[in-house]
Amino acid sequence: MSVAYFERIWAGAPEEVTPEHFALRREFLLARARAGERVLDLGCGDGAFAQALAEHGADPVGVDVALEALRRARLRAPQVEFRHSGEVLPFGDGEFAVVWAGELFEHVQDGLGLLAEVTRVLRPGGRLLLSTPAHGWRRRLSVALSRRRFEAQFEPRSDHVRFFTAHSLRTFLAAAGFDEPDVRSHRGVLLASATRR
């Protein structure tokens, strides 16, 4: 996906948008990010999770490829640092205790490349926390048996380029050097926690 694509998405989005499955994902994140920890909110969007992290007592920094998303994030959470980012994250090695990637990896073509950057900016023993849509067997069967659902799932203009099951997400994270990824499916969302080797 190009940066221009995400700029168009944000330009057309209403000013007040609640992220999908926000309460579930916020609860997962805040249960695992501790007060005082430096947390990178990767693909921060309008800053909703960065704001929640700051209110929780963590030290969040948000990055996004879309300037419109960052404009909104700075308005929402002026106490948080937000930066524009491309393929290379604008941080030094080992700067973060936690990286949060909420509903991000399904949009990324070079997932292992991005995970290499995540690994680089995480300190040894640091944690990656992420969420992504779950594609368990029921959903896959539903898509396979319904022309309408199949067409919607693989709509060529969709911004989803990856589809994860719990098993494929574990394999993906392990291939990138994360130890024993804990992946759980809850209400159509995969929630994962993995530690950097």
Protein backbone atom coordinates (compact mmCIF):
# COMPACT_ATOMS: atom_id res chain seq x y z
CA MET A 1 0.00 0.00 0.00
CA SER A 2 1.28 3.43 -0.88
CA VAL A 3 1.43 6.36 1.48
CA ALA A 4 -0.95 8.22 -0.86
CA TYR A 5 -3.52 5.46 -0.36
CA PHE A 6 -3.52 5.87 3.44
CA GLU A 7 -3.62 9.67 3.11
CA ARG A 8 -6.81 9.28 1.03
CA ILE A 9 -8.30 6.92 3.62
CA TRP A 10 -7.63 9.41 6.44
CA ALA A 11 -8.75 12.41 4.41
CA GLY A 12 -12.14 10.76 3.88
CA ALA A 13 -12.60 9.51 7.45
CA PRO A 14 -14.79 11.44 9.91
CA GLU A 15 -12.88 13.43 12.54
CA GLU A 16 -14.23 11.34 15.41
CA VAL A 17 -13.67 7.66 14.66
CA THR A 18 -13.51 4.88 17.24
CA PRO A 19 -11.02 2.20 16.21
CA GLU A 20 -12.50 -1.21 15.48
CA HIS A 21 -12.74 -3.45 18.59
CA PHE A 22 -11.28 -0.55 20.57
CA ALA A 23 -12.31 -1.64 24.08
CA LEU A 24 -11.09 -5.22 23.59
CA ARG A 25 -7.76 -4.14 22.11
CA ARG A 26 -7.19 -1.36 24.69
CA GLU A 27 -7.82 -3.80 27.54
CA PHE A 28 -5.33 -6.27 26.04
CA LEU A 29 -2.70 -3.55 25.54
CA LEU A 30 -3.03 -1.90 28.94
CA ALA A 31 -2.90 -5.26 30.75
CA ARG A 32 0.55 -5.86 29.22
CA ALA A 33 2.19 -2.41 29.02
CA ARG A 34 3.42 -1.20 32.37
CA ALA A 35 3.58 2.33 33.73
CA GLY A 36 6.90 3.97 32.92
CA GLU A 37 7.67 1.72 29.94
CA ARG A 38 8.59 3.34 26.64
CA VAL A 39 6.03 2.04 24.13
CA LEU A 40 6.05 2.49 20.36
CA ASP A 41 2.54 2.74 18.91
CA LEU A 42 3.29 1.55 15.38
CA GLY A 43 0.69 2.72 12.87
CA CYS A 44 -0.80 4.95 15.55
CA GLY A 45 -3.60 6.38 13.42
CA ASP A 46 -5.39 9.17 15.25
CA GLY A 47 -3.62 8.44 18.53
CA ALA A 48 -6.42 6.70 20.45
CA PHE A 49 -4.13 3.95 21.78
CA ALA A 50 -1.22 6.32 22.42
CA GLN A 51 -3.56 8.48 24.48
CA ALA A 52 -4.74 5.43 26.46
CA LEU A 53 -1.12 4.41 27.08
CA ALA A 54 -0.23 7.91 28.32
CA GLU A 55 -3.23 7.94 30.68
CA HIS A 56 -2.09 4.49 31.89
CA GLY A 57 1.31 5.96 32.87
CA ALA A 58 3.38 4.51 30.02
CA ASP A 59 5.66 6.66 27.86
CA PRO A 60 4.21 6.23 24.33
CA VAL A 61 5.58 7.45 21.03
CA GLY A 62 3.35 7.15 17.96
CA VAL A 63 4.39 6.71 14.33
CA ASP A 64 2.34 6.57 11.16
CA VAL A 65 2.85 6.88 7.41
CA ALA A 66 -0.16 9.20 6.99
CA LEU A 67 0.32 12.88 7.83
CA GLU A 68 -3.43 13.38 8.28
CA ALA A 69 -3.50 10.62 10.90
CA LEU A 70 -0.61 12.30 12.73
CA ARG A 71 -2.38 15.69 12.61
CA ARG A 72 -5.38 14.13 14.32
CA ALA A 73 -3.19 12.27 16.82
CA ARG A 74 -1.43 15.47 17.88
CA LEU A 75 -4.80 17.13 18.49
CA ARG A 76 -6.09 14.15 20.49
CA ALA A 77 -2.97 13.61 22.62
CA PRO A 78 -0.77 16.73 22.61
CA GLN A 79 1.31 15.35 25.48
CA VAL A 80 2.51 12.43 23.29
CA GLU A 81 5.34 12.53 20.76
CA PHE A 82 4.25 11.57 17.24
CA ARG A 83 6.55 11.06 14.25
CA HIS A 84 6.16 10.44 10.56
CA SER A 85 7.67 7.14 9.42
CA GLY A 86 8.45 5.26 6.25
CA GLU A 87 9.89 1.76 5.88
CA VAL A 88 12.74 2.52 8.28
CA LEU A 89 11.57 3.50 11.74
CA PRO A 90 13.04 6.83 12.94
CA PHE A 91 14.51 5.40 16.14
CA GLY A 92 17.75 3.93 17.37
CA ASP A 93 18.36 0.30 18.25
CA GLY A 94 16.71 -1.01 21.40
CA GLU A 95 14.81 2.18 22.29
CA PHE A 96 11.53 0.53 23.31
CA ALA A 97 10.37 -1.94 25.94
CA VAL A 98 7.14 -2.57 24.02
CA VAL A 99 5.94 -2.17 20.45
CA TRP A 100 2.16 -2.09 19.89
CA ALA A 101 0.96 -2.88 16.36
CA GLY A 102 -2.82 -2.76 16.44
CA GLU A 103 -4.55 -3.84 13.21
CA LEU A 104 -1.40 -3.15 11.20
CA PHE A 105 0.20 -6.29 9.79
CA GLU A 106 -2.80 -7.18 7.63
CA HIS A 107 -2.02 -3.99 5.65
CA VAL A 108 1.72 -4.61 5.16
CA GLN A 109 3.15 -6.33 2.08
CA ASP A 110 6.64 -6.89 3.54
CA GLY A 111 5.63 -8.16 6.96
CA LEU A 112 9.00 -9.76 7.74
CA GLY A 113 10.78 -6.55 6.74
CA LEU A 114 8.62 -4.57 9.16
CA LEU A 115 9.17 -7.18 11.87
CA ALA A 116 12.93 -6.80 11.37
CA GLU A 117 12.52 -3.07 12.08
CA VAL A 118 10.35 -3.85 15.12
CA THR A 119 13.04 -6.23 16.40
CA ARG A 120 15.71 -3.57 15.86
CA VAL A 121 13.94 -0.89 17.92
CA LEU A 122 12.94 -3.32 20.71
CA ARG A 123 15.42 -3.83 23.51
CA PRO A 124 16.48 -7.46 24.19
CA GLY A 125 13.61 -9.10 26.03
CA GLY A 126 11.23 -6.40 24.78
CA ARG A 127 7.68 -7.33 23.85
CA LEU A 128 5.67 -7.04 20.67
CA LEU A 129 1.93 -6.76 21.26
CA LEU A 130 -0.37 -6.88 18.27
CA SER A 131 -3.89 -7.41 17.05
CA THR A 132 -5.12 -8.46 13.62
CA PRO A 133 -8.37 -9.89 12.25
CA ALA A 134 -8.75 -13.62 12.94
CA HIS A 135 -9.32 -15.96 10.02
CA GLY A 136 -10.19 -19.14 11.89
CA TRP A 137 -11.76 -22.16 10.24
CA ARG A 138 -15.36 -20.90 10.57
CA ARG A 139 -14.54 -17.63 8.85
CA ARG A 140 -12.53 -19.38 6.12
CA LEU A 141 -15.38 -21.84 5.52
CA SER A 142 -17.91 -19.01 5.42
CA VAL A 143 -15.82 -17.15 2.85
CA ALA A 144 -15.33 -20.29 0.76
CA LEU A 145 -19.04 -21.14 0.67
CA SER A 146 -20.43 -17.70 -0.09
CA ARG A 147 -19.74 -15.87 -3.35
CA ARG A 148 -20.68 -12.55 -1.71
CA ARG A 149 -18.34 -13.09 1.25
CA PHE A 150 -15.55 -14.33 -1.02
CA GLU A 151 -15.85 -11.23 -3.22
CA ALA A 152 -15.88 -8.96 -0.16
CA GLN A 153 -12.88 -10.74 1.40
CA PHE A 154 -10.75 -10.43 -1.72
CA GLU A 155 -12.01 -7.09 -3.02
CA PRO A 156 -9.07 -5.78 -5.12
CA ARG A 157 -9.39 -2.27 -3.68
CA SER A 158 -9.20 -3.52 -0.09
CA ASP A 159 -6.29 -2.43 2.06
CA HIS A 160 -5.99 -5.92 3.62
CA VAL A 161 -3.18 -7.83 1.92
CA ARG A 162 -2.54 -10.51 4.60
CA PHE A 163 -4.94 -12.88 6.35
CA PHE A 164 -3.84 -14.60 9.57
CA THR A 165 -4.92 -17.66 11.50
CA ALA A 166 -3.59 -18.19 15.02
CA HIS A 167 -1.16 -20.78 13.64
CA SER A 168 0.09 -18.63 10.74
CA LEU A 169 0.58 -15.63 13.06
CA ARG A 170 2.64 -17.75 15.50
CA THR A 171 4.75 -19.01 12.59
CA PHE A 172 5.18 -15.46 11.23
CA LEU A 173 6.37 -14.12 14.60
CA ALA A 174 8.67 -17.09 15.30
CA ALA A 175 10.27 -16.67 11.84
CA ALA A 176 11.12 -13.07 12.78
CA GLY A 177 12.95 -14.10 15.96
CA PHE A 178 10.27 -13.87 18.64
CA ASP A 179 10.17 -16.55 21.35
CA GLU A 180 7.02 -18.59 21.94
CA PRO A 181 4.43 -16.15 20.65
CA ASP A 182 1.20 -16.27 22.65
CA VAL A 183 -1.66 -15.88 20.17
CA ARG A 184 -5.32 -15.98 21.17
CA SER A 185 -8.49 -15.47 19.19
CA HIS A 186 -11.26 -13.43 20.76
CA ARG A 187 -14.44 -12.19 19.04
CA GLY A 188 -12.89 -12.24 15.58
CA VAL A 189 -9.59 -10.67 16.64
CA LEU A 190 -6.19 -12.31 17.10
CA LEU A 191 -4.34 -10.88 20.09
CA ALA A 192 -0.63 -11.71 20.26
CA SER A 193 2.23 -11.15 22.67
CA ALA A 194 5.78 -12.15 21.77
CA THR A 195 9.19 -11.53 23.33
CA ARG A 196 12.27 -10.54 21.38
CA ARG A 197 15.05 -13.13 21.58
